[in-house]
Structure formats: C-alpha cells, structure tokens
Amino acid sequence: MKDRHPTLKEFQPGRGYKKADWDAVDSPELTDEELARMRPAREVLPPEFFRSLDAMRRPQAKKTKVK
C-alpha cells in the first residue's frame, strides 16, 4: 500500500510553511526508552476527552443498504 503522506526528507516550497520553519523543527526518532514508557491514551487522558470525541461524531445514518 502506498503511503498517502510520505515523510519529507528535504524542504519543498509551497506547502504552507517557510524554509525557516522547516529548519527550526527538530524531530528526532523516539528512543527505545521513550517507546517503552508510552501508555495507551485511555490510561493517560481523562474520560471527558473521550466523551467529547464521541459527542463530535455525526449521528448514525439510517440503514441505507439497497437490496
């Protein structure tokens, strides 16, 4: 499957940011220690966060399957 949003390795103009912005960002790869410390979002974020996500969903559509 082709990656829809490949990670850019070099600056490309016309993408909504300037070269200075590109140069200012430092996003190193995560270390093994950082990966080991990660926890699922449900363990870290408050329940209100997930309730608000559910509230943002649109109402379920009526059954639209045509036989």
C-alpha atoms as a PDB file:
ATOM      1  CA  MET A   1       0.000   0.000   0.000  1.00  0.00           C
ATOM      2  CA  LYS A   2       1.382   3.395  -0.961  1.00  0.00           C
ATOM      3  CA  ASP A   3       1.902   5.884   1.870  1.00  0.00           C
ATOM      4  CA  ARG A   4      -0.596   8.715   1.380  1.00  0.00           C
ATOM      5  CA  HIS A   5       1.516  11.202   3.341  1.00  0.00           C
ATOM      6  CA  PRO A   6       5.180  10.282   2.994  1.00  0.00           C
ATOM      7  CA  THR A   7       7.657  11.904   5.364  1.00  0.00           C
ATOM      8  CA  LEU A   8       9.585  14.596   3.558  1.00  0.00           C
ATOM      9  CA  LYS A   9      13.358  14.450   3.881  1.00  0.00           C
ATOM     10  CA  GLU A  10      14.018  17.891   2.379  1.00  0.00           C
ATOM     11  CA  PHE A  11      12.201  21.237   2.299  1.00  0.00           C
ATOM     12  CA  GLN A  12       9.714  21.694  -0.525  1.00  0.00           C
ATOM     13  CA  PRO A  13       8.274  25.188  -1.078  1.00  0.00           C
ATOM     14  CA  GLY A  14       4.551  25.789  -1.477  1.00  0.00           C
ATOM     15  CA  ARG A  15       3.398  23.519   1.360  1.00  0.00           C
ATOM     16  CA  GLY A  16       2.225  26.224   3.784  1.00  0.00           C
ATOM     17  CA  TYR A  17       5.440  26.875   5.696  1.00  0.00           C
ATOM     18  CA  LYS A  18       8.744  28.621   5.069  1.00  0.00           C
ATOM     19  CA  LYS A  19      12.276  27.245   4.940  1.00  0.00           C
ATOM     20  CA  ALA A  20      12.991  28.925   8.287  1.00  0.00           C
ATOM     21  CA  ASP A  21      10.101  26.959   9.832  1.00  0.00           C
ATOM     22  CA  TRP A  22      11.435  23.723   8.334  1.00  0.00           C
ATOM     23  CA  ASP A  23      14.923  24.423   9.686  1.00  0.00           C
ATOM     24  CA  ALA A  24      13.589  25.308  13.179  1.00  0.00           C
ATOM     25  CA  VAL A  25      11.928  21.921  13.696  1.00  0.00           C
ATOM     26  CA  ASP A  26      13.936  19.150  15.309  1.00  0.00           C
ATOM     27  CA  SER A  27      12.035  15.858  15.464  1.00  0.00           C
ATOM     28  CA  PRO A  28      14.454  13.068  16.328  1.00  0.00           C
ATOM     29  CA  GLU A  29      13.352   9.439  16.251  1.00  0.00           C
ATOM     30  CA  LEU A  30      11.940   8.096  19.522  1.00  0.00           C
ATOM     31  CA  THR A  31      14.399   6.091  21.581  1.00  0.00           C
ATOM     32  CA  ASP A  32      13.704   2.565  22.839  1.00  0.00           C
ATOM     33  CA  GLU A  33      13.351   4.011  26.352  1.00  0.00           C
ATOM     34  CA  GLU A  34      10.736   6.540  25.204  1.00  0.00           C
ATOM     35  CA  LEU A  35       8.806   3.857  23.346  1.00  0.00           C
ATOM     36  CA  ALA A  36       8.843   1.612  26.434  1.00  0.00           C
ATOM     37  CA  ARG A  37       7.390   4.429  28.593  1.00  0.00           C
ATOM     38  CA  MET A  38       4.434   5.045  26.274  1.00  0.00           C
ATOM     39  CA  ARG A  39       0.986   4.119  27.544  1.00  0.00           C
ATOM     40  CA  PRO A  40      -2.401   3.860  25.833  1.00  0.00           C
ATOM     41  CA  ALA A  41      -4.361   7.111  25.605  1.00  0.00           C
ATOM     42  CA  ARG A  42      -7.208   5.670  27.715  1.00  0.00           C
ATOM     43  CA  GLU A  43      -4.782   5.279  30.634  1.00  0.00           C
ATOM     44  CA  VAL A  44      -3.440   8.827  30.367  1.00  0.00           C
ATOM     45  CA  LEU A  45      -6.238  11.118  29.187  1.00  0.00           C
ATOM     46  CA  PRO A  46      -9.335  11.977  31.255  1.00  0.00           C
ATOM     47  CA  PRO A  47     -12.684  10.322  30.419  1.00  0.00           C
ATOM     48  CA  GLU A  48     -14.109  13.738  29.451  1.00  0.00           C
ATOM     49  CA  PHE A  49     -11.746  13.772  26.485  1.00  0.00           C
ATOM     50  CA  PHE A  50     -13.256  10.609  25.035  1.00  0.00           C
ATOM     51  CA  ARG A  51     -16.812  11.749  25.792  1.00  0.00           C
ATOM     52  CA  SER A  52     -16.147  14.939  23.841  1.00  0.00           C
ATOM     53  CA  LEU A  53     -14.829  12.897  20.904  1.00  0.00           C
ATOM     54  CA  ASP A  54     -17.995  10.799  20.919  1.00  0.00           C
ATOM     55  CA  ALA A  55     -20.107  13.965  21.045  1.00  0.00           C
ATOM     56  CA  MET A  56     -18.333  15.303  17.946  1.00  0.00           C
ATOM     57  CA  ARG A  57     -19.319  12.302  15.849  1.00  0.00           C
ATOM     58  CA  ARG A  58     -22.206  12.784  13.487  1.00  0.00           C
ATOM     59  CA  PRO A  59     -25.418  10.866  14.151  1.00  0.00           C
ATOM     60  CA  GLN A  60     -25.537   7.328  12.848  1.00  0.00           C
ATOM     61  CA  ALA A  61     -27.169   7.168   9.427  1.00  0.00           C
ATOM     62  CA  LYS A  62     -30.283   5.152   8.829  1.00  0.00           C
ATOM     63  CA  LYS A  63     -29.703   1.856   7.111  1.00  0.00           C
ATOM     64  CA  THR A  64     -29.041   2.775   3.512  1.00  0.00           C
ATOM     65  CA  LYS A  65     -28.231  -0.606   2.070  1.00  0.00           C
ATOM     66  CA  VAL A  66     -30.346  -1.203  -1.029  1.00  0.00           C
ATOM     67  CA  LYS A  67     -31.399  -4.764  -1.691  1.00  0.00           C
END
